[in-house]
Amino acid sequence: MTYRSFFRMFSSDLAIDLGTANTLVYVVGKGIVLNEPSIVAVDRKSRQAMGFGADAKEMIGRTPANMLAVRPLRDGVIADFELAEEMLTYFIRKANKRHKLLHPRIAIGIPSETTEVEKRAVLDSTYRAKASEVHLVEQAMVAALGAGLPVTEPGGNMVVDIGGGTTDIAVISLSGIVYSKSLRMAGNQMDDAISEHVKRKHGLLIGERTAEKIKLEIGTAYQDGTPRTMAVKGRDMVYGLPKTITLEDDEIRSALTDCVNSIVSAVRVALEKTPPELSGDIMERGIILTGGGSLLKNLDERIRFETGMPVLVANEPLASVVLGTGMMLEDFKLLRKMCLN
């Protein structure tokens, strides 16, 4: 047994989905061991991190004057290097707590149109978080793998991964990407659109968590004849007092129109640029939706209506990226072939 293989017996290789909204960590041989919001609670004056993940999310909208809840990632890439490094270090230690003295080998999924500067930021932050090796892989590819698509076979597979900050669309065949597009339009932009609508139409200020709850409960991409309403609490912009209003699904669907149209248009463009031979495979296998944004009600129906293609939501849409990254980490030959760095 070599020193390296002996070392690996006691180390844990990690697959990480470093998302704008949530970070998931997969440990080889164990599965997903961590799923927490990508949020850091920070002291305003000292910029010292006071909490991470789920603990920090509980502080959103409830922090005292000296505290601030920050998302170190924006639109799928690192926006605050220092806080991203601290958050990564915390998550890696939490996931790798049995082997704290050994530095893990890590694979991370990133958006398809990430710049070289953005890739370097992810690499540097992960290495400083005590990784022994870092491998960057394309999110759409690992999302397809995690959704169960036969990406290594000579046939067309299309995946649409709608995360918090980006929507990644890819057509894949023979372990290669035939077409890819990363769109800075996803779940967070939907939340922002809802907040802006409620503010403009109802004069009510709501928080980030409330907007997300509205999206999940009554947000729809396609009318299905089932009316939905929801009572929402916020602060009246005129009087500054607490106020409750009732929202209907029709107005939320209208508020989400621009976001949904952008995603649907990008899917149509991807289909138009797909070689005819692979289009037939996609027609047979369907377009696979992954990511938290794919859970928007009737989004699959809307894309099906607009494209004429069968559309399916992955069995575990929230975990597809990290599951695929973990599968790639377990097949190191495939990882080295698909690695971007």
Protein backbone atom coordinates (compact mmCIF):
# COMPACT_ATOMS: atom_id res chain seq x y z
CA MET A 1 0.00 0.00 0.00
CA THR A 2 1.41 3.40 -0.99
CA TYR A 3 1.62 6.35 1.38
CA ARG A 4 -1.01 8.14 -0.73
CA SER A 5 -3.55 5.30 -0.58
CA PHE A 6 -2.88 4.88 3.16
CA PHE A 7 -3.50 8.61 3.60
CA ARG A 8 -6.80 8.35 1.68
CA MET A 9 -8.05 5.64 4.07
CA PHE A 10 -8.21 8.29 6.79
CA SER A 11 -9.20 11.31 4.71
CA SER A 12 -12.63 12.21 3.33
CA ASP A 13 -13.03 13.39 -0.24
CA LEU A 14 -15.74 16.05 -0.45
CA ALA A 15 -18.05 17.17 -3.23
CA ILE A 16 -19.41 20.69 -2.70
CA ASP A 17 -22.30 22.51 -4.33
CA LEU A 18 -21.31 26.07 -3.44
CA GLY A 19 -24.60 27.74 -4.28
CA THR A 20 -25.77 31.33 -4.02
CA ALA A 21 -28.68 30.21 -1.82
CA ASN A 22 -27.46 26.97 -0.21
CA THR A 23 -24.26 24.97 0.17
CA LEU A 24 -24.41 21.18 0.12
CA VAL A 25 -21.52 18.86 1.01
CA TYR A 26 -21.25 15.21 -0.04
CA VAL A 27 -18.75 12.87 1.60
CA VAL A 28 -17.60 9.94 -0.51
CA GLY A 29 -18.99 6.74 1.02
CA LYS A 30 -21.53 8.59 3.19
CA GLY A 31 -23.63 10.77 0.89
CA ILE A 32 -24.91 14.28 1.66
CA VAL A 33 -23.84 15.27 5.16
CA LEU A 34 -24.51 19.02 5.09
CA ASN A 35 -27.15 21.26 3.53
CA GLU A 36 -27.14 24.81 4.87
CA PRO A 37 -27.87 28.34 3.59
CA SER A 38 -24.86 30.18 2.11
CA ILE A 39 -25.11 32.97 4.68
CA VAL A 40 -22.69 34.52 7.18
CA ALA A 41 -23.73 36.66 10.17
CA VAL A 42 -21.22 39.52 10.50
CA ASP A 43 -20.46 42.19 13.09
CA ARG A 44 -20.88 45.52 11.27
CA LYS A 45 -17.94 47.25 12.94
CA SER A 46 -15.28 44.54 13.14
CA ARG A 47 -16.46 42.51 10.09
CA GLN A 48 -15.96 39.44 12.27
CA ALA A 49 -18.09 36.41 11.35
CA MET A 50 -20.51 35.57 14.17
CA GLY A 51 -22.41 32.64 12.63
CA PHE A 52 -22.75 30.53 9.50
CA GLY A 53 -25.40 28.65 7.56
CA ALA A 54 -28.69 27.83 9.27
CA ASP A 55 -27.76 29.81 12.38
CA ALA A 56 -27.02 32.90 10.28
CA LYS A 57 -30.24 32.54 8.23
CA GLU A 58 -32.31 32.72 11.38
CA MET A 59 -30.87 36.22 11.85
CA ILE A 60 -32.05 37.56 8.46
CA GLY A 61 -34.46 40.41 9.10
CA ARG A 62 -34.01 39.94 12.84
CA THR A 63 -30.44 41.09 13.40
CA PRO A 64 -29.66 43.84 15.93
CA ALA A 65 -28.12 47.10 14.73
CA ASN A 66 -24.57 45.80 15.10
CA MET A 67 -25.21 42.56 13.12
CA LEU A 68 -25.56 41.94 9.39
CA ALA A 69 -26.53 38.76 7.52
CA VAL A 70 -24.41 38.50 4.34
CA ARG A 71 -24.44 36.16 1.32
CA PRO A 72 -20.77 35.81 0.23
CA LEU A 73 -21.87 34.54 -3.20
CA ARG A 74 -23.82 36.50 -5.78
CA ASP A 75 -25.08 35.18 -9.13
CA GLY A 76 -23.29 31.89 -8.57
CA VAL A 77 -19.82 33.39 -7.98
CA ILE A 78 -17.88 34.66 -4.98
CA ALA A 79 -18.61 38.31 -4.17
CA ASP A 80 -16.88 38.51 -0.77
CA PHE A 81 -13.64 36.50 -0.78
CA GLU A 82 -12.88 36.73 2.94
CA LEU A 83 -16.33 35.69 4.13
CA ALA A 84 -16.60 32.96 1.47
CA GLU A 85 -13.33 31.48 2.72
CA GLU A 86 -14.49 31.55 6.34
CA MET A 87 -17.84 30.02 5.41
CA LEU A 88 -16.16 27.27 3.34
CA THR A 89 -13.74 26.52 6.16
CA TYR A 90 -16.64 26.19 8.60
CA PHE A 91 -18.63 23.88 6.30
CA ILE A 92 -15.59 21.72 5.44
CA ARG A 93 -14.67 21.28 9.09
CA LYS A 94 -18.27 20.45 9.97
CA ALA A 95 -18.50 17.85 7.19
CA ASN A 96 -14.99 16.49 7.80
CA LYS A 97 -14.99 16.57 11.59
CA ARG A 98 -13.74 12.98 11.99
CA HIS A 99 -10.56 13.84 10.08
CA LYS A 100 -9.78 17.40 11.14
CA LEU A 101 -6.03 16.95 10.81
CA LEU A 102 -6.20 15.68 7.22
CA HIS A 103 -6.97 17.99 4.32
CA PRO A 104 -9.66 16.64 1.97
CA ARG A 105 -9.64 16.45 -1.81
CA ILE A 106 -12.56 18.59 -3.02
CA ALA A 107 -14.63 18.88 -6.21
CA ILE A 108 -16.85 21.93 -6.71
CA GLY A 109 -19.46 22.68 -9.37
CA ILE A 110 -19.37 26.17 -10.95
CA PRO A 111 -21.58 27.94 -13.57
CA SER A 112 -20.65 27.29 -17.21
CA GLU A 113 -19.72 30.88 -18.07
CA THR A 114 -17.58 31.56 -15.01
CA THR A 115 -14.62 33.79 -15.90
CA GLU A 116 -11.00 32.86 -15.20
CA VAL A 117 -10.91 35.46 -12.42
CA GLU A 118 -14.02 33.93 -10.83
CA LYS A 119 -12.57 30.41 -11.13
CA ARG A 120 -9.38 31.58 -9.44
CA ALA A 121 -11.44 33.10 -6.61
CA VAL A 122 -13.16 29.73 -5.97
CA LEU A 123 -9.84 27.86 -6.15
CA ASP A 124 -8.02 30.25 -3.82
CA SER A 125 -10.84 30.33 -1.27
CA THR A 126 -11.11 26.53 -1.23
CA TYR A 127 -7.36 25.97 -0.91
CA ARG A 128 -7.20 28.48 1.93
CA ALA A 129 -10.04 26.53 3.55
CA LYS A 130 -7.48 23.67 3.89
CA ALA A 131 -8.18 21.53 0.81
CA SER A 132 -5.35 19.30 -0.45
CA GLU A 133 -6.66 19.30 -4.04
CA VAL A 134 -9.46 21.28 -5.70
CA HIS A 135 -11.21 20.25 -8.91
CA LEU A 136 -13.71 22.55 -10.63
CA VAL A 137 -16.47 20.95 -12.70
CA GLU A 138 -19.28 22.45 -14.76
CA GLN A 139 -22.55 22.63 -12.83
CA ALA A 140 -24.75 21.62 -15.73
CA MET A 141 -22.68 18.50 -16.37
CA VAL A 142 -22.75 17.30 -12.75
CA ALA A 143 -26.45 18.24 -12.45
CA ALA A 144 -27.18 15.96 -15.42
CA LEU A 145 -25.09 13.20 -13.86
CA GLY A 146 -26.84 13.62 -10.50
CA ALA A 147 -30.25 13.54 -12.21
CA GLY A 148 -29.43 10.13 -13.66
CA LEU A 149 -28.87 11.11 -17.30
CA PRO A 150 -26.54 8.81 -19.33
CA VAL A 151 -24.01 11.57 -20.03
CA THR A 152 -21.22 9.19 -21.08
CA GLU A 153 -23.28 7.61 -23.87
CA PRO A 154 -23.42 8.85 -27.52
CA GLY A 155 -26.80 10.54 -27.27
CA GLY A 156 -28.24 13.96 -26.52
CA ASN A 157 -29.13 14.93 -22.97
CA MET A 158 -30.45 18.36 -21.99
CA VAL A 159 -30.44 19.70 -18.45
CA VAL A 160 -31.71 23.02 -17.10
CA ASP A 161 -30.31 23.69 -13.61
CA ILE A 162 -32.14 26.62 -11.98
CA GLY A 163 -30.30 27.57 -8.82
CA GLY A 164 -30.39 30.62 -6.57
CA GLY A 165 -28.19 32.94 -8.62
CA THR A 166 -27.84 31.30 -12.05
CA THR A 167 -29.68 29.08 -14.50
CA ASP A 168 -27.32 26.70 -16.31
CA ILE A 169 -28.51 25.08 -19.52
CA ALA A 170 -26.50 22.40 -21.29
CA VAL A 171 -26.76 19.79 -24.03
CA ILE A 172 -24.45 16.88 -23.25
CA SER A 173 -23.22 13.86 -25.21
CA LEU A 174 -20.28 11.44 -24.75
CA SER A 175 -19.16 13.15 -21.50
CA GLY A 176 -18.81 16.41 -23.37
CA ILE A 177 -20.81 19.62 -23.48
CA VAL A 178 -22.19 20.33 -26.96
CA TYR A 179 -23.84 23.60 -25.92
CA SER A 180 -23.97 25.50 -22.64
CA LYS A 181 -25.36 28.78 -21.39
CA SER A 182 -25.32 30.35 -17.96
CA LEU A 183 -28.07 32.87 -17.26
CA ARG A 184 -27.95 35.30 -14.33
CA MET A 185 -31.68 34.76 -13.79
CA ALA A 186 -32.85 32.25 -11.21
CA GLY A 187 -34.52 31.82 -7.81
CA ASN A 188 -33.13 34.95 -6.13
CA GLN A 189 -34.29 37.17 -8.98
CA MET A 190 -37.76 35.62 -8.65
CA ASP A 191 -37.79 36.53 -4.96
CA ASP A 192 -36.71 40.09 -5.78
CA ALA A 193 -39.48 40.39 -8.40
CA ILE A 194 -42.08 39.32 -5.84
CA SER A 195 -40.77 41.76 -3.21
CA GLU A 196 -40.84 44.61 -5.73
CA HIS A 197 -44.39 43.74 -6.83
CA VAL A 198 -45.72 43.68 -3.26
CA LYS A 199 -43.97 46.97 -2.54
CA ARG A 200 -45.24 48.69 -5.69
CA LYS A 201 -48.83 47.40 -5.78
CA HIS A 202 -49.63 47.02 -2.09
CA GLY A 203 -47.25 49.51 -0.43
CA LEU A 204 -45.96 46.71 1.78
CA LEU A 205 -42.33 45.98 2.65
CA ILE A 206 -41.55 42.28 3.03
CA GLY A 207 -38.33 40.43 3.78
CA GLU A 208 -36.33 37.95 1.74
CA ARG A 209 -37.71 34.93 3.58
CA THR A 210 -41.31 36.07 3.09
CA ALA A 211 -40.78 36.57 -0.66
CA GLU A 212 -39.34 33.06 -0.96
CA LYS A 213 -42.31 31.62 0.96
CA ILE A 214 -44.76 33.40 -1.37
CA LYS A 215 -42.94 31.95 -4.40
CA LEU A 216 -43.10 28.42 -3.03
CA GLU A 217 -46.71 28.55 -1.83
CA ILE A 218 -48.59 30.45 -4.56
CA GLY A 219 -45.99 31.18 -7.26
CA THR A 220 -46.78 29.58 -10.64
CA ALA A 221 -45.30 29.72 -14.13
CA TYR A 222 -48.41 28.53 -15.96
CA GLN A 223 -52.11 28.90 -15.18
CA ASP A 224 -53.72 25.61 -14.21
CA GLY A 225 -57.18 26.73 -13.13
CA THR A 226 -56.49 26.21 -9.42
CA PRO A 227 -56.82 29.54 -7.56
CA ARG A 228 -54.35 30.06 -4.71
CA THR A 229 -54.22 32.82 -2.11
CA MET A 230 -51.91 33.63 0.79
CA ALA A 231 -52.05 36.01 3.73
CA VAL A 232 -48.79 38.01 3.96
CA LYS A 233 -47.50 40.17 6.79
CA GLY A 234 -45.15 43.10 6.35
CA ARG A 235 -44.64 46.78 7.14
CA ASP A 236 -46.89 49.44 5.65
CA MET A 237 -44.74 51.92 3.70
CA VAL A 238 -47.01 54.88 4.50
CA TYR A 239 -47.71 54.42 8.21
CA GLY A 240 -44.74 52.26 9.15
CA LEU A 241 -46.99 49.83 11.02
CA PRO A 242 -47.43 46.05 10.67
CA LYS A 243 -50.04 45.13 8.06
CA THR A 244 -51.52 41.96 6.59
CA ILE A 245 -52.68 41.60 2.98
CA THR A 246 -53.96 38.74 0.84
CA LEU A 247 -52.08 37.88 -2.36
CA GLU A 248 -53.47 35.88 -5.28
CA ASP A 249 -51.56 33.53 -7.56
CA ASP A 250 -52.50 35.55 -10.69
CA GLU A 251 -50.57 38.62 -9.53
CA ILE A 252 -47.54 36.61 -8.43
CA ARG A 253 -47.48 34.81 -11.78
CA SER A 254 -47.56 38.22 -13.46
CA ALA A 255 -44.71 39.45 -11.23
CA LEU A 256 -42.62 36.42 -12.26
CA THR A 257 -43.31 36.84 -16.00
CA ASP A 258 -39.96 38.44 -16.92
CA CYS A 259 -37.96 35.85 -14.94
CA VAL A 260 -39.83 32.88 -16.41
CA ASN A 261 -39.74 34.31 -19.94
CA SER A 262 -35.94 34.73 -19.74
CA ILE A 263 -35.47 31.09 -18.74
CA VAL A 264 -37.90 29.79 -21.38
CA SER A 265 -36.24 31.91 -24.10
CA ALA A 266 -32.80 30.55 -23.14
CA VAL A 267 -34.13 26.99 -23.37
CA ARG A 268 -35.55 27.70 -26.84
CA VAL A 269 -32.21 29.12 -28.00
CA ALA A 270 -30.41 26.02 -26.68
CA LEU A 271 -32.77 23.77 -28.65
CA GLU A 272 -32.27 25.85 -31.79
CA LYS A 273 -28.48 25.47 -31.49
CA THR A 274 -28.58 21.71 -30.81
CA PRO A 275 -27.49 19.45 -33.72
CA PRO A 276 -30.49 17.66 -35.32
CA GLU A 277 -29.23 14.18 -34.36
CA LEU A 278 -29.16 15.13 -30.69
CA SER A 279 -32.54 16.89 -30.87
CA GLY A 280 -34.17 13.52 -31.55
CA ASP A 281 -32.55 12.08 -28.42
CA ILE A 282 -33.80 15.01 -26.34
CA MET A 283 -37.30 14.55 -27.73
CA GLU A 284 -37.14 10.92 -26.60
CA ARG A 285 -35.51 11.48 -23.18
CA GLY A 286 -36.99 14.89 -22.38
CA ILE A 287 -35.55 18.08 -20.91
CA ILE A 288 -34.54 17.52 -17.27
CA LEU A 289 -35.08 20.34 -14.75
CA THR A 290 -32.94 20.49 -11.60
CA GLY A 291 -32.21 23.05 -8.87
CA GLY A 292 -34.49 24.79 -6.40
CA GLY A 293 -35.98 27.03 -9.10
CA SER A 294 -37.37 23.98 -10.89
CA LEU A 295 -39.83 23.59 -8.01
CA LEU A 296 -41.78 26.67 -9.16
CA LYS A 297 -45.25 25.27 -9.80
CA ASN A 298 -46.01 24.39 -13.43
CA LEU A 299 -42.63 25.55 -14.75
CA ASP A 300 -42.27 22.18 -16.46
CA GLU A 301 -45.71 22.65 -18.06
CA ARG A 302 -44.74 26.13 -19.29
CA ILE A 303 -41.52 24.91 -20.92
CA ARG A 304 -43.37 21.93 -22.42
CA PHE A 305 -45.98 24.28 -23.90
CA GLU A 306 -43.37 26.67 -25.30
CA THR A 307 -41.01 24.06 -26.80
CA GLY A 308 -43.17 21.05 -27.58
CA MET A 309 -40.60 18.88 -25.79
CA PRO A 310 -41.26 16.49 -22.89
CA VAL A 311 -40.06 18.09 -19.64
CA LEU A 312 -39.30 16.24 -16.41
CA VAL A 313 -38.23 17.43 -12.96
CA ALA A 314 -35.33 15.41 -11.47
CA ASN A 315 -36.12 13.09 -8.56
CA GLU A 316 -33.92 15.15 -6.19
CA PRO A 317 -33.71 18.56 -7.88
CA LEU A 318 -32.17 20.35 -4.89
CA ALA A 319 -29.36 17.79 -4.60
CA SER A 320 -28.63 16.96 -8.25
CA VAL A 321 -25.47 19.09 -8.49
CA VAL A 322 -23.82 17.76 -5.32
CA LEU A 323 -24.87 14.16 -6.07
CA GLY A 324 -23.37 14.41 -9.57
CA THR A 325 -20.20 16.02 -8.21
CA GLY A 326 -19.93 13.18 -5.68
CA MET A 327 -20.39 10.56 -8.41
CA MET A 328 -17.64 12.24 -10.43
CA LEU A 329 -15.35 12.31 -7.39
CA GLU A 330 -15.85 8.55 -7.00
CA ASP A 331 -14.84 8.04 -10.67
CA PHE A 332 -11.54 9.90 -10.69
CA LYS A 333 -10.82 9.09 -14.34
CA LEU A 334 -14.05 10.88 -15.32
CA LEU A 335 -13.26 13.74 -12.92
CA ARG A 336 -9.85 14.35 -14.50
CA LYS A 337 -11.46 14.27 -17.95
CA MET A 338 -14.18 16.78 -17.02
CA CYS A 339 -12.16 18.99 -14.66
CA LEU A 340 -12.02 22.67 -15.73
CA ASN A 341 -8.78 23.60 -13.95
